[in-house]
């Protein structure tokens, strides 16, 4: 049961991060500007409305950490490792594989 909860949690984290602007909106709403470059993104978005926050990060803040959080597979691996170390280390591959599969299935269903 715990493994299913962790897999679903990984999929939800990926869906919120890759399919919504929730991170930007909440950092702006709670005035956590140090966590995001909302102002820089807003200025660039004004010029190019097709720009996403993740594309903005990759283009203007390119470093290892940004490449890590803008890649679904990479982020899933790290989330699987973190949840595996917090629960049961033997299940890390299951968290990674099924978390990514569930995310991709839901992402495909959302269109």
C-alpha atoms as a PDB file:
ATOM      1  CA  UNK A   1       0.000   0.000   0.000  1.00  0.00           C
ATOM      2  CA  UNK A   2       2.821   2.407   0.856  1.00  0.00           C
ATOM      3  CA  UNK A   3       4.497   1.734  -2.496  1.00  0.00           C
ATOM      4  CA  UNK A   4       1.304   2.659  -4.344  1.00  0.00           C
ATOM      5  CA  UNK A   5       1.054   5.915  -2.399  1.00  0.00           C
ATOM      6  CA  UNK A   6       4.677   6.781  -3.194  1.00  0.00           C
ATOM      7  CA  UNK A   7       4.228   5.950  -6.886  1.00  0.00           C
ATOM      8  CA  UNK A   8       1.116   8.134  -7.058  1.00  0.00           C
ATOM      9  CA  UNK A   9       2.912  10.928  -5.181  1.00  0.00           C
ATOM     10  CA  UNK A  10       5.780  10.868  -7.677  1.00  0.00           C
ATOM     11  CA  UNK A  11       3.315  10.988 -10.584  1.00  0.00           C
ATOM     12  CA  UNK A  12       1.421  13.915  -9.025  1.00  0.00           C
ATOM     13  CA  UNK A  13       4.641  15.851  -8.392  1.00  0.00           C
ATOM     14  CA  UNK A  14       5.648  15.331 -12.029  1.00  0.00           C
ATOM     15  CA  UNK A  15       2.195  16.323 -13.310  1.00  0.00           C
ATOM     16  CA  UNK A  16       2.097  19.509 -11.254  1.00  0.00           C
ATOM     17  CA  UNK A  17       5.660  20.451 -12.196  1.00  0.00           C
ATOM     18  CA  UNK A  18       5.504  19.654 -15.920  1.00  0.00           C
ATOM     19  CA  UNK A  19       1.845  20.332 -16.777  1.00  0.00           C
ATOM     20  CA  UNK A  20       0.860  23.356 -14.655  1.00  0.00           C
ATOM     21  CA  UNK A  21       2.100  26.767 -13.592  1.00  0.00           C
ATOM     22  CA  UNK A  22       1.358  25.959  -9.951  1.00  0.00           C
ATOM     23  CA  UNK A  23       4.951  26.411  -8.799  1.00  0.00           C
ATOM     24  CA  UNK A  24       5.149  29.893 -10.294  1.00  0.00           C
ATOM     25  CA  UNK A  25       1.741  30.910  -9.012  1.00  0.00           C
ATOM     26  CA  UNK A  26       2.363  29.721  -5.456  1.00  0.00           C
ATOM     27  CA  UNK A  27       5.822  31.249  -5.219  1.00  0.00           C
ATOM     28  CA  UNK A  28       4.335  34.531  -6.397  1.00  0.00           C
ATOM     29  CA  UNK A  29       1.297  34.308  -4.108  1.00  0.00           C
ATOM     30  CA  UNK A  30       3.345  33.507  -0.998  1.00  0.00           C
ATOM     31  CA  UNK A  31       6.066  36.002  -2.008  1.00  0.00           C
ATOM     32  CA  UNK A  32       8.764  33.331  -2.191  1.00  0.00           C
ATOM     33  CA  UNK A  33      10.560  35.139  -5.010  1.00  0.00           C
ATOM     34  CA  UNK A  34      13.904  33.611  -4.028  1.00  0.00           C
ATOM     35  CA  UNK A  35      12.582  30.219  -5.192  1.00  0.00           C
ATOM     36  CA  UNK A  36      11.727  31.313  -8.729  1.00  0.00           C
ATOM     37  CA  UNK A  37      12.655  33.895 -11.330  1.00  0.00           C
ATOM     38  CA  UNK A  38       9.085  34.955 -11.962  1.00  0.00           C
ATOM     39  CA  UNK A  39       9.973  38.500 -12.957  1.00  0.00           C
ATOM     40  CA  UNK A  40      12.576  37.355 -15.476  1.00  0.00           C
ATOM     41  CA  UNK A  41      10.127  34.821 -16.896  1.00  0.00           C
ATOM     42  CA  UNK A  42       7.317  37.394 -17.107  1.00  0.00           C
ATOM     43  CA  UNK A  43       9.546  39.761 -19.077  1.00  0.00           C
ATOM     44  CA  UNK A  44      10.537  37.040 -21.553  1.00  0.00           C
ATOM     45  CA  UNK A  45       6.980  35.694 -21.719  1.00  0.00           C
ATOM     46  CA  UNK A  46       5.758  39.153 -22.715  1.00  0.00           C
ATOM     47  CA  UNK A  47       7.972  38.869 -25.827  1.00  0.00           C
ATOM     48  CA  UNK A  48       7.215  35.191 -26.569  1.00  0.00           C
ATOM     49  CA  UNK A  49       3.873  33.839 -25.305  1.00  0.00           C
ATOM     50  CA  UNK A  50       4.760  30.279 -26.332  1.00  0.00           C
ATOM     51  CA  UNK A  51       7.600  30.220 -23.773  1.00  0.00           C
ATOM     52  CA  UNK A  52       7.084  27.878 -20.816  1.00  0.00           C
ATOM     53  CA  UNK A  53       8.742  28.303 -17.446  1.00  0.00           C
ATOM     54  CA  UNK A  54      10.758  25.111 -17.900  1.00  0.00           C
ATOM     55  CA  UNK A  55      11.998  26.245 -21.332  1.00  0.00           C
ATOM     56  CA  UNK A  56      12.872  29.611 -19.785  1.00  0.00           C
ATOM     57  CA  UNK A  57      14.905  27.898 -17.066  1.00  0.00           C
ATOM     58  CA  UNK A  58      16.758  25.724 -19.585  1.00  0.00           C
ATOM     59  CA  UNK A  59      17.520  28.702 -21.817  1.00  0.00           C
ATOM     60  CA  UNK A  60      18.454  31.392 -19.299  1.00  0.00           C
ATOM     61  CA  UNK A  61      19.598  29.462 -16.197  1.00  0.00           C
ATOM     62  CA  UNK A  62      21.361  26.441 -17.682  1.00  0.00           C
ATOM     63  CA  UNK A  63      23.183  24.391 -15.056  1.00  0.00           C
ATOM     64  CA  UNK A  64      23.159  20.812 -13.764  1.00  0.00           C
ATOM     65  CA  UNK A  65      20.333  21.385 -11.272  1.00  0.00           C
ATOM     66  CA  UNK A  66      18.102  23.058 -13.880  1.00  0.00           C
ATOM     67  CA  UNK A  67      18.732  20.267 -16.379  1.00  0.00           C
ATOM     68  CA  UNK A  68      17.864  17.810 -13.604  1.00  0.00           C
ATOM     69  CA  UNK A  69      14.502  19.383 -12.726  1.00  0.00           C
ATOM     70  CA  UNK A  70      13.458  19.990 -16.339  1.00  0.00           C
ATOM     71  CA  UNK A  71      13.916  16.362 -17.407  1.00  0.00           C
ATOM     72  CA  UNK A  72      11.024  14.038 -16.420  1.00  0.00           C
ATOM     73  CA  UNK A  73      13.210  10.920 -16.334  1.00  0.00           C
ATOM     74  CA  UNK A  74      15.959  12.588 -14.282  1.00  0.00           C
ATOM     75  CA  UNK A  75      13.505  14.090 -11.810  1.00  0.00           C
ATOM     76  CA  UNK A  76      11.704  10.752 -11.450  1.00  0.00           C
ATOM     77  CA  UNK A  77      14.970   8.963 -10.687  1.00  0.00           C
ATOM     78  CA  UNK A  78      15.850  11.470  -7.967  1.00  0.00           C
ATOM     79  CA  UNK A  79      12.350  11.429  -6.489  1.00  0.00           C
ATOM     80  CA  UNK A  80      12.439   7.615  -6.515  1.00  0.00           C
ATOM     81  CA  UNK A  81      15.791   7.662  -4.727  1.00  0.00           C
ATOM     82  CA  UNK A  82      14.588  10.126  -2.109  1.00  0.00           C
ATOM     83  CA  UNK A  83      11.352   8.258  -1.411  1.00  0.00           C
ATOM     84  CA  UNK A  84      13.215   4.935  -1.445  1.00  0.00           C
ATOM     85  CA  UNK A  85      15.742   6.129   1.110  1.00  0.00           C
ATOM     86  CA  UNK A  86      12.895   7.416   3.295  1.00  0.00           C
ATOM     87  CA  UNK A  87      10.888   4.183   3.080  1.00  0.00           C
ATOM     88  CA  UNK A  88      12.348   0.949   1.756  1.00  0.00           C
ATOM     89  CA  UNK A  89      15.498   1.069  -0.358  1.00  0.00           C
ATOM     90  CA  UNK A  90      14.741  -2.181  -2.201  1.00  0.00           C
ATOM     91  CA  UNK A  91      11.699  -0.584  -3.854  1.00  0.00           C
ATOM     92  CA  UNK A  92      13.610   2.297  -5.496  1.00  0.00           C
ATOM     93  CA  UNK A  93      13.452   0.764  -9.012  1.00  0.00           C
ATOM     94  CA  UNK A  94       9.717   0.153  -8.633  1.00  0.00           C
ATOM     95  CA  UNK A  95       9.133   3.747  -7.517  1.00  0.00           C
ATOM     96  CA  UNK A  96      11.101   5.043 -10.493  1.00  0.00           C
ATOM     97  CA  UNK A  97       9.606   2.817 -13.196  1.00  0.00           C
ATOM     98  CA  UNK A  98       5.989   2.907 -12.089  1.00  0.00           C
ATOM     99  CA  UNK A  99       6.074   6.567 -11.052  1.00  0.00           C
ATOM    100  CA  UNK A 100       7.292   7.548 -14.516  1.00  0.00           C
ATOM    101  CA  UNK A 101       4.848   5.158 -16.227  1.00  0.00           C
ATOM    102  CA  UNK A 102       1.885   6.541 -14.297  1.00  0.00           C
ATOM    103  CA  UNK A 103       2.951  10.110 -15.080  1.00  0.00           C
ATOM    104  CA  UNK A 104       3.313   9.333 -18.797  1.00  0.00           C
ATOM    105  CA  UNK A 105      -0.058   7.579 -18.939  1.00  0.00           C
ATOM    106  CA  UNK A 106      -1.858  10.469 -17.265  1.00  0.00           C
ATOM    107  CA  UNK A 107       0.071  13.004 -19.350  1.00  0.00           C
ATOM    108  CA  UNK A 108      -0.968  11.195 -22.537  1.00  0.00           C
ATOM    109  CA  UNK A 109      -4.604  11.058 -21.368  1.00  0.00           C
ATOM    110  CA  UNK A 110      -4.573  14.807 -20.686  1.00  0.00           C
ATOM    111  CA  UNK A 111      -3.480  15.355 -24.269  1.00  0.00           C
END
